[in-house]
N, C-alpha and C. Protein backbone atom coordinates (compact mmCIF):
# COMPACT_ATOMS: atom_id res chain seq x y z
N MET A 1 4.19 0.16 16.67
CA MET A 1 3.13 0.77 15.89
C MET A 1 3.14 0.14 14.49
N LEU A 2 1.98 -0.23 14.03
CA LEU A 2 1.80 -0.77 12.70
C LEU A 2 1.92 0.34 11.68
N GLN A 3 2.84 0.18 10.72
CA GLN A 3 3.00 1.14 9.64
C GLN A 3 2.77 0.40 8.34
N SER A 4 1.87 0.90 7.53
CA SER A 4 1.47 0.17 6.34
C SER A 4 1.38 1.06 5.12
N LEU A 5 1.76 0.47 3.99
CA LEU A 5 1.52 1.06 2.69
C LEU A 5 0.56 0.13 1.97
N ILE A 6 -0.57 0.64 1.59
CA ILE A 6 -1.55 -0.15 0.86
C ILE A 6 -1.49 0.31 -0.60
N ILE A 7 -1.35 -0.63 -1.51
CA ILE A 7 -1.33 -0.33 -2.93
C ILE A 7 -2.52 -1.04 -3.56
N GLY A 8 -3.28 -0.33 -4.35
CA GLY A 8 -4.42 -0.95 -5.01
C GLY A 8 -4.94 -0.07 -6.12
N MET A 9 -5.93 -0.59 -6.82
CA MET A 9 -6.49 0.16 -7.93
C MET A 9 -7.81 0.84 -7.57
N ASN A 10 -8.35 0.52 -6.40
CA ASN A 10 -9.62 1.10 -5.97
C ASN A 10 -9.34 2.06 -4.82
N GLN A 11 -9.36 3.36 -5.14
CA GLN A 11 -8.99 4.37 -4.14
C GLN A 11 -9.91 4.34 -2.93
N GLU A 12 -11.20 4.20 -3.14
CA GLU A 12 -12.16 4.20 -2.03
C GLU A 12 -11.87 3.07 -1.05
N LYS A 13 -11.68 1.87 -1.57
CA LYS A 13 -11.41 0.71 -0.71
C LYS A 13 -10.05 0.83 -0.03
N GLY A 14 -9.05 1.29 -0.78
CA GLY A 14 -7.71 1.43 -0.21
C GLY A 14 -7.66 2.45 0.91
N GLU A 15 -8.30 3.57 0.70
CA GLU A 15 -8.33 4.59 1.74
C GLU A 15 -9.10 4.12 2.97
N ALA A 16 -10.14 3.31 2.76
CA ALA A 16 -10.90 2.76 3.89
C ALA A 16 -10.01 1.84 4.74
N VAL A 17 -9.19 1.03 4.09
CA VAL A 17 -8.27 0.15 4.82
C VAL A 17 -7.26 0.99 5.60
N ALA A 18 -6.71 2.01 4.96
CA ALA A 18 -5.74 2.88 5.63
C ALA A 18 -6.37 3.55 6.86
N LYS A 19 -7.59 3.99 6.74
CA LYS A 19 -8.28 4.63 7.87
C LYS A 19 -8.52 3.64 9.01
N ARG A 20 -8.83 2.39 8.67
CA ARG A 20 -9.02 1.37 9.71
C ARG A 20 -7.73 1.14 10.47
N ILE A 21 -6.62 1.08 9.76
CA ILE A 21 -5.32 0.90 10.41
C ILE A 21 -5.02 2.08 11.32
N GLU A 22 -5.26 3.29 10.82
CA GLU A 22 -5.03 4.48 11.63
C GLU A 22 -5.96 4.51 12.84
N GLY A 23 -7.18 4.00 12.69
CA GLY A 23 -8.12 3.93 13.80
C GLY A 23 -7.67 2.99 14.90
N MET A 24 -6.78 2.06 14.56
CA MET A 24 -6.22 1.14 15.55
C MET A 24 -4.89 1.65 16.11
N GLY A 25 -4.54 2.89 15.76
CA GLY A 25 -3.32 3.49 16.29
C GLY A 25 -2.11 3.34 15.39
N GLY A 26 -2.28 2.80 14.20
CA GLY A 26 -1.17 2.64 13.28
C GLY A 26 -1.03 3.84 12.36
N LYS A 27 -0.08 3.73 11.45
CA LYS A 27 0.13 4.76 10.43
C LYS A 27 0.00 4.07 9.09
N ALA A 28 -0.77 4.64 8.18
CA ALA A 28 -0.98 4.00 6.89
C ALA A 28 -1.12 5.04 5.79
N ILE A 29 -0.63 4.67 4.62
CA ILE A 29 -0.85 5.49 3.44
C ILE A 29 -1.33 4.58 2.33
N PHE A 30 -2.09 5.15 1.42
CA PHE A 30 -2.62 4.39 0.29
C PHE A 30 -2.15 5.03 -1.00
N ILE A 31 -1.76 4.19 -1.96
CA ILE A 31 -1.34 4.66 -3.28
C ILE A 31 -2.14 3.90 -4.32
N VAL A 32 -2.72 4.63 -5.26
CA VAL A 32 -3.40 3.99 -6.39
C VAL A 32 -2.32 3.57 -7.38
N ALA A 33 -2.24 2.26 -7.64
CA ALA A 33 -1.26 1.75 -8.60
C ALA A 33 -1.64 0.35 -9.04
N ASN A 34 -1.23 0.01 -10.23
CA ASN A 34 -1.41 -1.34 -10.75
C ASN A 34 -0.10 -2.09 -10.48
N VAL A 35 -0.15 -3.15 -9.69
CA VAL A 35 1.08 -3.84 -9.28
C VAL A 35 1.75 -4.61 -10.41
N ILE A 36 1.13 -4.70 -11.57
CA ILE A 36 1.82 -5.33 -12.69
C ILE A 36 2.54 -4.28 -13.55
N ASP A 37 2.48 -3.03 -13.13
CA ASP A 37 3.18 -1.93 -13.79
C ASP A 37 4.47 -1.65 -13.01
N LYS A 38 5.61 -2.05 -13.56
CA LYS A 38 6.89 -1.95 -12.85
C LYS A 38 7.18 -0.52 -12.39
N LYS A 39 6.92 0.47 -13.23
CA LYS A 39 7.19 1.86 -12.85
C LYS A 39 6.34 2.29 -11.66
N ALA A 40 5.08 1.84 -11.63
CA ALA A 40 4.19 2.19 -10.51
C ALA A 40 4.68 1.56 -9.22
N VAL A 41 5.18 0.33 -9.29
CA VAL A 41 5.70 -0.36 -8.10
C VAL A 41 6.98 0.32 -7.62
N GLU A 42 7.83 0.72 -8.55
CA GLU A 42 9.06 1.42 -8.17
C GLU A 42 8.74 2.76 -7.51
N LYS A 43 7.72 3.45 -8.00
CA LYS A 43 7.30 4.71 -7.37
C LYS A 43 6.79 4.45 -5.95
N ALA A 44 5.99 3.40 -5.79
CA ALA A 44 5.49 3.05 -4.45
C ALA A 44 6.64 2.72 -3.51
N LYS A 45 7.65 2.02 -4.02
CA LYS A 45 8.82 1.69 -3.21
C LYS A 45 9.51 2.96 -2.72
N THR A 46 9.67 3.93 -3.61
CA THR A 46 10.29 5.20 -3.22
C THR A 46 9.46 5.89 -2.14
N ILE A 47 8.15 5.89 -2.31
CA ILE A 47 7.27 6.53 -1.32
C ILE A 47 7.39 5.85 0.03
N VAL A 48 7.38 4.51 0.06
CA VAL A 48 7.47 3.82 1.34
C VAL A 48 8.82 4.06 2.00
N HIS A 49 9.88 4.09 1.23
CA HIS A 49 11.20 4.37 1.81
C HIS A 49 11.27 5.79 2.37
N ASN A 50 10.69 6.74 1.65
CA ASN A 50 10.69 8.13 2.12
C ASN A 50 9.79 8.33 3.33
N THR A 51 8.72 7.54 3.44
CA THR A 51 7.75 7.70 4.52
C THR A 51 8.15 6.90 5.77
N PHE A 52 8.53 5.64 5.56
CA PHE A 52 8.77 4.74 6.69
C PHE A 52 10.24 4.35 6.87
N GLY A 53 11.07 4.61 5.88
CA GLY A 53 12.48 4.28 6.01
C GLY A 53 12.88 2.98 5.34
N LYS A 54 12.11 1.94 5.52
CA LYS A 54 12.43 0.64 4.92
C LYS A 54 11.20 -0.24 4.93
N ILE A 55 11.30 -1.36 4.22
CA ILE A 55 10.23 -2.35 4.18
C ILE A 55 10.68 -3.54 5.03
N ASP A 56 9.92 -3.86 6.06
CA ASP A 56 10.24 -5.01 6.91
C ASP A 56 9.53 -6.27 6.43
N ILE A 57 8.28 -6.13 6.07
CA ILE A 57 7.47 -7.28 5.64
C ILE A 57 6.67 -6.85 4.42
N LEU A 58 6.60 -7.74 3.44
CA LEU A 58 5.81 -7.48 2.24
C LEU A 58 4.79 -8.60 2.09
N ILE A 59 3.54 -8.23 2.00
CA ILE A 59 2.48 -9.21 1.76
C ILE A 59 1.88 -8.89 0.41
N ASN A 60 1.98 -9.82 -0.50
CA ASN A 60 1.45 -9.63 -1.85
C ASN A 60 0.07 -10.28 -1.91
N GLY A 61 -0.94 -9.45 -1.96
CA GLY A 61 -2.31 -9.96 -2.05
C GLY A 61 -2.94 -9.62 -3.39
N ALA A 62 -2.10 -9.40 -4.41
CA ALA A 62 -2.60 -9.02 -5.73
C ALA A 62 -3.44 -10.16 -6.31
N GLY A 63 -4.54 -9.80 -6.92
CA GLY A 63 -5.45 -10.79 -7.47
C GLY A 63 -5.60 -10.68 -8.96
N GLU A 64 -4.54 -10.74 -9.69
CA GLU A 64 -4.59 -10.58 -11.14
C GLU A 64 -5.19 -11.80 -11.85
N ASN A 65 -5.60 -12.80 -11.10
CA ASN A 65 -6.17 -13.98 -11.74
C ASN A 65 -7.71 -13.92 -11.81
N HIS A 66 -8.29 -12.80 -11.42
CA HIS A 66 -9.75 -12.65 -11.47
C HIS A 66 -10.19 -12.29 -12.89
N PRO A 67 -11.24 -12.90 -13.38
CA PRO A 67 -11.70 -12.56 -14.74
C PRO A 67 -12.24 -11.13 -14.82
């Protein structure tokens, strides 16, 4: 089963992605956070560990280079 934590700054888009994953039989949660904020990332890490146990794969799709 696909288990995912989606982190982003746009709640509507993030929740839509989580729902798509759940619609395919996976488990997903979304957290609103800015990935360049260390405290926000540490909070997300705690949430993922408490929810899923551990992180197996991390995909960083942050786009901080957009104007």
